[in-house]
Amino acid sequence: MKNAVSTDKHKLWSLFLIFLRLGLTSFGGPIAHLGFFRDEFVTKRQWLTDRSYADLVALCHFLPGPASSQVGIAVGFSQARYKGALAAWAGFTLPSAIIMIVCALSLTSFGNVVPVDVIHGLKVVTVAVVAQAVWAMARNLCSDRLRLSLMAVISCVVIIMPSAFTQISVIVLAALLGIVIFKAAELSTPDPLPITISRSRGFVWLSLFLVLLLGLPLLAHIFSNQLLTVIDIFYRAGSLVFGGGHVVLPLLQAEVVPTDMVANDIFLAGYGLAQALPGPLFTFSSFLGSSMETSYSPVLVGMICLAAIFAPSFLLVIGVLPFWDKLRTNKKMQSAMTGINVAVVGLLLAALYQPVWTSAIQSPRDFGIALLALIALIAWKMPPWLVVIATASFSYVLNLII
């Protein structure tokens, strides 16, 4: 019995260390993360076949939330069930989350220590990073006139009526339109994933996901508690964001900036910092939580925001796994996802204008710096973290010279 417990602990520790290494070295965003994961778990360790890994990636792209983190959670679950999922998430997420919390404390408590031009440079490079995301996603997801037109309409609606309710509404409407106007492509027979969990257990986790999604806003309203409100905001963001870390920007900005929870300059500076770090972009949540003025410890609020935004990923991934093989062959669901993907691009384009562009581009010089950063990302294929560091440094040096 002791040997079995020792073996389990060793397996969990090994799993944590594997993902910790990935969390410290996985630069480049979710697509790059998935490449690192494939090399580690398909090529090196052979925990998954190429086909089963592709199926797992398809599942996580189908769900709202951060796809690469969800793949990591599923891989951890396949190796050591629930504790394995938690160990994998912690290893991959904590390095960048800790750095983001430290940066938030530095900016909010010792803001004068960080040069203003460096912070502004981070805001400017955010324009290039989001523009690159819009460009890449539009090429893949808005490939014809109908999709482009729907994307443009959605973007205009969100810009004209900026609110979290508008953003959620256009996602739902896009899903319904997708069922009506987009025909699903023929799908190959799915390869079963090497993960066993009963449908009854899956139903329990999915039910808990919905209970929290519907119940947290009600609790926050009834008790008027600041911490409950924050948990509701970040849980809802993790539940309703399709397309990964970049797309969470408009949802979070609409919630925390107009309500003065976080200043817009701090918000954009933190988002720029997130581009220079390895690991998931959703760790931006820990930065926002630690930047808020509350009666609680900033570190505690940052960790609570981090847990809240990732909680839906745990519940959805583990809950949907037993139903995935059947679900992914449903043509109506695939058509709905086509519509949602178009809405995602529209949301991201709206975010590129407001708040990113309007807050960052204040002069011709800012436009030139952002353009150079965009060319470095798209044409020269430079890693985002390097572009972020270079742009912030260039902005600072340029201000000293001119």
Protein backbone atom coordinates (compact mmCIF):
# COMPACT_ATOMS: atom_id res chain seq x y z
CA MET A 1 0.00 0.00 0.00
CA LYS A 2 2.84 2.38 0.92
CA ASN A 3 4.59 1.55 -2.35
CA ALA A 4 1.43 2.37 -4.28
CA VAL A 5 1.07 5.73 -2.50
CA SER A 6 4.76 6.47 -3.07
CA THR A 7 4.41 5.60 -6.76
CA ASP A 8 1.39 7.87 -7.11
CA LYS A 9 3.22 10.77 -5.46
CA HIS A 10 6.25 10.21 -7.67
CA LYS A 11 4.03 10.18 -10.76
CA LEU A 12 2.30 13.38 -9.73
CA TRP A 13 5.60 15.09 -8.95
CA SER A 14 7.06 13.97 -12.29
CA LEU A 15 3.96 15.24 -14.09
CA PHE A 16 4.22 18.59 -12.31
CA LEU A 17 7.90 18.95 -13.21
CA ILE A 18 7.27 18.10 -16.88
CA PHE A 19 4.62 20.81 -17.12
CA LEU A 20 6.70 23.21 -15.04
CA ARG A 21 9.46 22.97 -17.62
CA LEU A 22 6.91 23.60 -20.36
CA GLY A 23 5.49 26.53 -18.37
CA LEU A 24 8.95 28.08 -18.15
CA THR A 25 9.92 27.58 -21.79
CA SER A 26 6.70 27.60 -23.88
CA PHE A 27 6.85 31.02 -25.51
CA GLY A 28 4.82 31.99 -28.55
CA GLY A 29 1.15 31.63 -27.61
CA PRO A 30 -1.34 28.73 -27.75
CA ILE A 31 -0.42 27.42 -31.20
CA ALA A 32 3.24 27.21 -30.18
CA HIS A 33 2.20 25.58 -26.89
CA LEU A 34 0.39 22.83 -28.76
CA GLY A 35 3.54 22.20 -30.78
CA PHE A 36 5.59 21.87 -27.60
CA PHE A 37 2.97 19.52 -26.17
CA ARG A 38 2.98 17.31 -29.24
CA ASP A 39 6.75 16.99 -29.13
CA GLU A 40 6.64 16.11 -25.43
CA PHE A 41 3.64 13.77 -25.23
CA VAL A 42 3.42 12.23 -28.71
CA THR A 43 7.02 12.12 -29.96
CA LYS A 44 9.06 11.77 -26.78
CA ARG A 45 6.81 10.05 -24.24
CA GLN A 46 4.25 8.41 -26.56
CA TRP A 47 1.44 8.97 -24.09
CA LEU A 48 -0.83 9.73 -27.06
CA THR A 49 -0.88 8.79 -30.72
CA ASP A 50 -0.83 11.53 -33.35
CA ARG A 51 -4.50 10.87 -34.11
CA SER A 52 -5.64 10.86 -30.48
CA TYR A 53 -3.66 14.04 -29.83
CA ALA A 54 -5.31 15.70 -32.83
CA ASP A 55 -8.71 14.63 -31.48
CA LEU A 56 -7.88 16.09 -28.09
CA VAL A 57 -6.79 19.38 -29.66
CA ALA A 58 -10.03 19.44 -31.66
CA LEU A 59 -12.05 19.00 -28.47
CA CYS A 60 -10.26 21.85 -26.72
CA HIS A 61 -10.71 24.17 -29.70
CA PHE A 62 -14.40 23.29 -29.64
CA LEU A 63 -14.76 24.43 -26.02
CA PRO A 64 -14.57 27.99 -24.68
CA GLY A 65 -11.41 28.82 -22.79
CA PRO A 66 -7.65 28.49 -23.35
CA ALA A 67 -7.09 25.56 -25.72
CA SER A 68 -3.48 24.79 -24.81
CA SER A 69 -4.19 24.79 -21.07
CA GLN A 70 -7.19 22.54 -21.64
CA VAL A 71 -5.05 20.08 -23.59
CA GLY A 72 -2.60 20.09 -20.69
CA ILE A 73 -5.42 19.44 -18.21
CA ALA A 74 -6.68 16.53 -20.31
CA VAL A 75 -3.19 15.03 -20.65
CA GLY A 76 -2.70 15.29 -16.89
CA PHE A 77 -6.09 13.67 -16.32
CA SER A 78 -5.16 10.81 -18.65
CA GLN A 79 -2.05 10.09 -16.57
CA ALA A 80 -3.25 10.53 -13.00
CA ARG A 81 -6.94 11.42 -13.03
CA TYR A 82 -8.02 14.55 -11.12
CA LYS A 83 -4.77 15.09 -9.21
CA GLY A 84 -2.88 14.70 -12.47
CA ALA A 85 -5.04 17.37 -14.14
CA LEU A 86 -4.35 19.75 -11.25
CA ALA A 87 -0.60 19.00 -11.26
CA ALA A 88 -0.38 19.61 -15.02
CA TRP A 89 -2.28 22.90 -14.79
CA ALA A 90 -0.23 24.14 -11.82
CA GLY A 91 3.10 23.36 -13.47
CA PHE A 92 2.18 25.02 -16.75
CA THR A 93 0.42 28.05 -15.25
CA LEU A 94 2.15 29.11 -12.04
CA PRO A 95 5.46 30.42 -13.49
CA SER A 96 3.85 33.17 -15.57
CA ALA A 97 1.12 33.77 -12.95
CA ILE A 98 3.69 34.46 -10.22
CA ILE A 99 5.63 36.83 -12.50
CA MET A 100 2.41 38.63 -13.45
CA ILE A 101 1.47 39.12 -9.79
CA VAL A 102 4.92 40.52 -8.98
CA CYS A 103 4.68 42.90 -11.96
CA ALA A 104 1.20 44.03 -10.88
CA LEU A 105 2.42 44.80 -7.37
CA SER A 106 5.35 46.72 -8.82
CA LEU A 107 3.19 48.81 -11.15
CA THR A 108 0.48 49.61 -8.60
CA SER A 109 2.71 50.15 -5.56
CA PHE A 110 5.87 51.47 -7.20
CA GLY A 111 4.58 52.79 -10.49
CA ASN A 112 7.12 55.60 -10.57
CA VAL A 113 9.93 53.01 -10.62
CA VAL A 114 8.78 51.75 -14.05
CA PRO A 115 9.46 54.40 -16.72
CA VAL A 116 6.28 55.81 -18.24
CA ASP A 117 7.67 55.32 -21.74
CA VAL A 118 8.24 51.63 -21.11
CA ILE A 119 4.61 51.23 -20.04
CA HIS A 120 3.48 53.18 -23.10
CA GLY A 121 5.67 50.99 -25.30
CA LEU A 122 3.94 47.92 -23.89
CA LYS A 123 0.58 49.46 -24.78
CA VAL A 124 1.76 50.22 -28.33
CA VAL A 125 3.05 46.70 -28.95
CA THR A 126 -0.31 45.35 -27.78
CA VAL A 127 -1.77 46.94 -30.92
CA ALA A 128 0.57 44.84 -33.07
CA VAL A 129 -0.07 41.64 -31.11
CA VAL A 130 -3.87 41.96 -31.31
CA ALA A 131 -3.69 43.02 -34.98
CA GLN A 132 -1.66 39.91 -35.76
CA ALA A 133 -4.26 37.76 -34.01
CA VAL A 134 -7.08 39.42 -35.98
CA TRP A 135 -5.21 38.93 -39.26
CA ALA A 136 -4.40 35.25 -38.61
CA MET A 137 -7.85 34.35 -37.35
CA ALA A 138 -9.66 36.24 -40.13
CA ARG A 139 -7.64 34.38 -42.79
CA ASN A 140 -8.60 31.02 -41.28
CA LEU A 141 -12.12 31.64 -40.01
CA CYS A 142 -13.56 34.30 -42.37
CA SER A 143 -12.59 32.78 -45.68
CA ASP A 144 -15.52 34.01 -47.83
CA ARG A 145 -17.67 37.12 -48.32
CA LEU A 146 -20.51 35.89 -46.11
CA ARG A 147 -18.25 35.23 -43.14
CA LEU A 148 -16.35 38.50 -43.64
CA SER A 149 -19.62 40.46 -43.82
CA LEU A 150 -21.00 38.82 -40.67
CA MET A 151 -17.70 39.48 -38.88
CA ALA A 152 -17.78 43.17 -39.87
CA VAL A 153 -21.39 43.60 -38.67
CA ILE A 154 -20.58 41.94 -35.33
CA SER A 155 -17.53 44.16 -34.88
CA CYS A 156 -19.56 47.33 -35.56
CA VAL A 157 -22.31 46.27 -33.14
CA VAL A 158 -19.80 45.63 -30.36
CA ILE A 159 -18.03 48.97 -30.96
CA ILE A 160 -21.31 50.93 -31.02
CA MET A 161 -22.78 49.13 -27.97
CA PRO A 162 -19.78 48.19 -25.82
CA SER A 163 -20.81 45.92 -22.94
CA ALA A 164 -20.29 42.38 -21.73
CA PHE A 165 -23.97 41.66 -22.49
CA THR A 166 -23.51 42.72 -26.12
CA GLN A 167 -20.48 40.48 -26.52
CA ILE A 168 -22.26 37.44 -25.08
CA SER A 169 -25.37 38.16 -27.17
CA VAL A 170 -23.47 38.31 -30.48
CA ILE A 171 -21.78 34.98 -29.70
CA VAL A 172 -25.16 33.32 -29.07
CA LEU A 173 -26.73 34.89 -32.17
CA ALA A 174 -23.74 33.91 -34.31
CA ALA A 175 -24.11 30.30 -33.14
CA LEU A 176 -27.80 30.30 -34.14
CA LEU A 177 -27.01 31.92 -37.49
CA GLY A 178 -24.26 29.38 -38.04
CA ILE A 179 -26.74 26.51 -37.76
CA VAL A 180 -28.94 28.17 -40.40
CA ILE A 181 -26.45 29.47 -42.96
CA PHE A 182 -23.24 27.40 -42.65
CA LYS A 183 -23.02 23.82 -43.83
CA ALA A 184 -20.76 21.57 -41.79
CA ALA A 185 -17.95 19.79 -43.58
CA GLU A 186 -17.86 16.01 -43.72
CA LEU A 187 -15.99 14.63 -40.73
CA SER A 188 -13.85 11.51 -40.49
CA THR A 189 -14.57 8.81 -37.94
CA PRO A 190 -13.17 10.00 -34.59
CA ASP A 191 -10.33 8.19 -32.89
CA PRO A 192 -11.34 7.42 -29.27
CA LEU A 193 -9.24 9.22 -26.70
CA PRO A 194 -7.31 7.14 -24.14
CA ILE A 195 -9.25 8.73 -21.27
CA THR A 196 -11.95 6.85 -19.39
CA ILE A 197 -14.63 8.64 -17.41
CA SER A 198 -18.30 7.69 -17.10
CA ARG A 199 -21.02 9.77 -18.69
CA SER A 200 -22.73 10.16 -15.32
CA ARG A 201 -19.57 11.73 -13.88
CA GLY A 202 -19.26 13.93 -16.94
CA PHE A 203 -22.86 15.06 -16.49
CA VAL A 204 -22.13 16.03 -12.87
CA TRP A 205 -19.17 18.24 -13.87
CA LEU A 206 -21.13 19.89 -16.69
CA SER A 207 -24.03 20.53 -14.32
CA LEU A 208 -21.66 22.15 -11.83
CA PHE A 209 -20.29 24.34 -14.64
CA LEU A 210 -23.80 25.60 -15.45
CA VAL A 211 -24.80 26.04 -11.80
CA LEU A 212 -21.77 28.27 -11.20
CA LEU A 213 -22.26 30.19 -14.47
CA LEU A 214 -25.88 31.00 -13.58
CA GLY A 215 -25.56 31.12 -9.81
CA LEU A 216 -22.49 33.32 -9.29
CA PRO A 217 -24.10 36.47 -10.82
CA LEU A 218 -27.14 35.92 -8.61
CA LEU A 219 -25.03 35.49 -5.47
CA ALA A 220 -22.92 38.53 -6.30
CA HIS A 221 -26.10 40.60 -6.73
CA ILE A 222 -27.79 39.35 -3.54
CA PHE A 223 -24.81 39.74 -1.21
CA SER A 224 -23.12 42.74 -2.91
CA ASN A 225 -19.75 41.28 -1.99
CA GLN A 226 -16.72 42.58 -3.89
CA LEU A 227 -14.90 39.26 -3.88
CA LEU A 228 -17.98 37.40 -5.14
CA THR A 229 -18.33 39.98 -7.91
CA VAL A 230 -14.70 39.47 -8.95
CA ILE A 231 -15.09 35.67 -8.95
CA ASP A 232 -18.23 36.01 -11.09
CA ILE A 233 -16.45 38.26 -13.61
CA PHE A 234 -13.49 35.96 -14.12
CA TYR A 235 -15.49 32.71 -14.05
CA ARG A 236 -17.82 34.14 -16.70
CA ALA A 237 -14.85 35.25 -18.82
CA GLY A 238 -13.37 31.75 -18.68
CA SER A 239 -16.75 30.26 -19.55
CA LEU A 240 -17.69 32.39 -22.54
CA VAL A 241 -14.46 33.13 -24.39
CA PHE A 242 -13.89 31.23 -27.62
CA GLY A 243 -10.53 31.65 -29.34
CA GLY A 244 -8.06 31.82 -26.46
CA GLY A 245 -6.26 34.48 -24.50
CA HIS A 246 -6.47 37.35 -27.00
CA VAL A 247 -10.26 37.15 -27.12
CA VAL A 248 -10.61 37.46 -23.33
CA LEU A 249 -9.32 41.04 -23.67
CA PRO A 250 -12.66 42.72 -24.62
CA LEU A 251 -14.68 40.77 -22.06
CA LEU A 252 -12.37 41.61 -19.16
CA GLN A 253 -11.82 45.19 -20.29
CA ALA A 254 -15.59 45.78 -20.39
CA GLU A 255 -15.91 44.46 -16.84
CA VAL A 256 -12.95 45.87 -14.90
CA VAL A 257 -12.07 49.20 -16.58
CA PRO A 258 -15.43 51.05 -16.73
CA THR A 259 -16.10 50.01 -13.11
CA ASP A 260 -12.70 51.44 -12.05
CA MET A 261 -11.51 48.11 -10.69
CA VAL A 262 -8.36 48.50 -12.81
CA ALA A 263 -7.08 51.63 -14.57
CA ASN A 264 -7.01 51.33 -18.36
CA ASP A 265 -3.26 52.14 -18.52
CA ILE A 266 -2.51 49.37 -16.03
CA PHE A 267 -4.81 46.99 -17.95
CA LEU A 268 -3.02 47.50 -21.26
CA ALA A 269 0.45 47.52 -19.72
CA GLY A 270 -0.30 44.15 -18.09
CA TYR A 271 -1.60 42.74 -21.34
CA GLY A 272 1.60 43.82 -23.04
CA LEU A 273 3.66 42.16 -20.30
CA ALA A 274 1.71 38.93 -20.76
CA GLN A 275 2.97 38.71 -24.35
CA ALA A 276 6.59 38.53 -23.17
CA LEU A 277 6.04 35.60 -20.81
CA PRO A 278 5.83 31.84 -21.43
CA GLY A 279 2.71 29.90 -20.53
CA PRO A 280 -0.98 30.73 -21.02
CA LEU A 281 -2.21 34.27 -21.64
CA PHE A 282 -5.05 33.65 -19.18
CA THR A 283 -2.53 34.30 -16.38
CA PHE A 284 -3.30 37.93 -17.22
CA SER A 285 -6.16 37.36 -14.76
CA SER A 286 -3.70 37.13 -11.85
CA PHE A 287 -2.24 40.50 -12.90
CA LEU A 288 -5.67 42.13 -12.93
CA GLY A 289 -6.66 40.66 -9.56
CA SER A 290 -3.43 41.85 -7.94
CA SER A 291 -3.93 45.33 -9.46
CA MET A 292 -7.36 45.87 -7.88
CA GLU A 293 -7.86 48.05 -4.83
CA THR A 294 -9.67 45.80 -2.35
CA SER A 295 -9.66 45.13 1.39
CA TYR A 296 -8.06 41.75 0.69
CA SER A 297 -4.45 40.82 0.02
CA PRO A 298 -3.54 41.64 -3.62
CA VAL A 299 -1.75 38.30 -3.95
CA LEU A 300 -4.82 36.46 -2.65
CA VAL A 301 -7.15 38.29 -5.06
CA GLY A 302 -4.75 37.57 -7.93
CA MET A 303 -4.73 33.84 -7.17
CA ILE A 304 -8.53 33.80 -6.77
CA CYS A 305 -8.95 35.48 -10.18
CA LEU A 306 -6.54 32.94 -11.66
CA ALA A 307 -8.49 30.01 -10.19
CA ALA A 308 -11.83 31.52 -11.23
CA ILE A 309 -10.90 32.03 -14.90
CA PHE A 310 -9.46 28.50 -15.23
CA ALA A 311 -12.20 26.69 -13.25
CA PRO A 312 -14.54 26.44 -16.29
CA SER A 313 -11.74 24.73 -18.26
CA PHE A 314 -11.47 21.96 -15.67
CA LEU A 315 -15.23 21.45 -15.48
CA LEU A 316 -15.78 21.56 -19.25
CA VAL A 317 -12.84 19.38 -20.33
CA ILE A 318 -13.51 16.61 -17.81
CA GLY A 319 -17.27 16.94 -18.27
CA VAL A 320 -17.30 16.79 -22.08
CA LEU A 321 -14.69 14.03 -22.55
CA PRO A 322 -17.16 11.12 -22.26
CA PHE A 323 -19.51 12.74 -24.81
CA TRP A 324 -16.93 14.05 -27.29
CA ASP A 325 -16.84 11.24 -29.84
CA LYS A 326 -20.55 11.58 -30.50
CA LEU A 327 -20.66 15.35 -30.16
CA ARG A 328 -17.92 16.10 -32.67
CA THR A 329 -19.80 14.27 -35.45
CA ASN A 330 -22.95 16.37 -34.91
CA LYS A 331 -23.22 18.64 -37.95
CA LYS A 332 -25.41 21.23 -36.25
CA MET A 333 -22.82 21.68 -33.52
CA GLN A 334 -20.10 22.09 -36.13
CA SER A 335 -22.18 24.69 -37.97
CA ALA A 336 -22.80 26.58 -34.73
CA MET A 337 -19.07 26.58 -34.04
CA THR A 338 -18.45 28.10 -37.48
CA GLY A 339 -20.72 31.00 -36.55
CA ILE A 340 -19.07 31.39 -33.14
CA ASN A 341 -15.62 31.49 -34.73
CA VAL A 342 -16.74 34.34 -37.00
CA ALA A 343 -18.06 36.20 -33.92
CA VAL A 344 -14.72 35.69 -32.20
CA VAL A 345 -12.91 37.50 -35.03
CA GLY A 346 -15.46 40.34 -34.88
CA LEU A 347 -14.96 40.69 -31.11
CA LEU A 348 -11.21 40.77 -31.53
CA LEU A 349 -11.41 43.40 -34.29
CA ALA A 350 -13.61 45.55 -32.04
CA ALA A 351 -11.07 45.16 -29.22
CA LEU A 352 -8.29 46.21 -31.58
CA TYR A 353 -10.04 49.56 -31.98
CA GLN A 354 -11.37 50.00 -28.44
CA PRO A 355 -9.58 49.91 -26.03
CA VAL A 356 -6.26 48.92 -27.64
CA TRP A 357 -5.87 51.43 -30.50
CA THR A 358 -7.64 54.39 -28.90
CA SER A 359 -5.55 54.15 -25.72
CA ALA A 360 -2.15 53.37 -27.26
CA ILE A 361 -1.82 55.24 -30.57
CA GLN A 362 -1.54 58.90 -29.63
CA SER A 363 0.94 60.18 -32.23
CA PRO A 364 2.46 59.34 -35.65
CA ARG A 365 5.46 57.95 -33.78
CA ASP A 366 3.23 55.47 -31.93
CA PHE A 367 1.71 54.37 -35.23
CA GLY A 368 5.17 53.84 -36.73
CA ILE A 369 6.37 51.77 -33.76
CA ALA A 370 3.22 49.64 -33.85
CA LEU A 371 3.61 49.11 -37.61
CA LEU A 372 7.24 47.99 -37.21
CA ALA A 373 6.21 45.59 -34.44
CA LEU A 374 3.44 44.17 -36.63
CA ILE A 375 5.85 43.59 -39.53
CA ALA A 376 8.28 41.91 -37.15
CA LEU A 377 5.51 39.55 -36.04
CA ILE A 378 3.91 38.80 -39.41
CA ALA A 379 6.68 39.14 -42.00
CA TRP A 380 9.77 38.26 -39.97
CA LYS A 381 8.01 35.69 -37.74
CA MET A 382 9.76 36.99 -34.65
CA PRO A 383 8.50 35.54 -31.32
CA PRO A 384 6.00 37.83 -29.55
CA TRP A 385 8.01 37.96 -26.33
CA LEU A 386 11.04 39.31 -28.20
CA VAL A 387 8.95 41.88 -30.07
CA VAL A 388 7.38 43.04 -26.79
CA ILE A 389 10.75 43.51 -25.07
CA ALA A 390 12.28 45.20 -28.12
CA THR A 391 9.34 47.57 -28.61
CA ALA A 392 9.20 48.64 -24.95
CA SER A 393 12.96 49.23 -24.95
CA PHE A 394 12.87 51.10 -28.28
CA SER A 395 10.06 53.35 -27.04
CA TYR A 396 12.07 54.22 -23.94
CA VAL A 397 15.31 54.92 -25.83
CA LEU A 398 13.52 56.93 -28.52
CA ASN A 399 11.98 59.18 -25.90
CA LEU A 400 15.43 59.87 -24.43
CA ILE A 401 16.82 60.82 -27.84
CA ILE A 402 13.92 62.86 -29.22
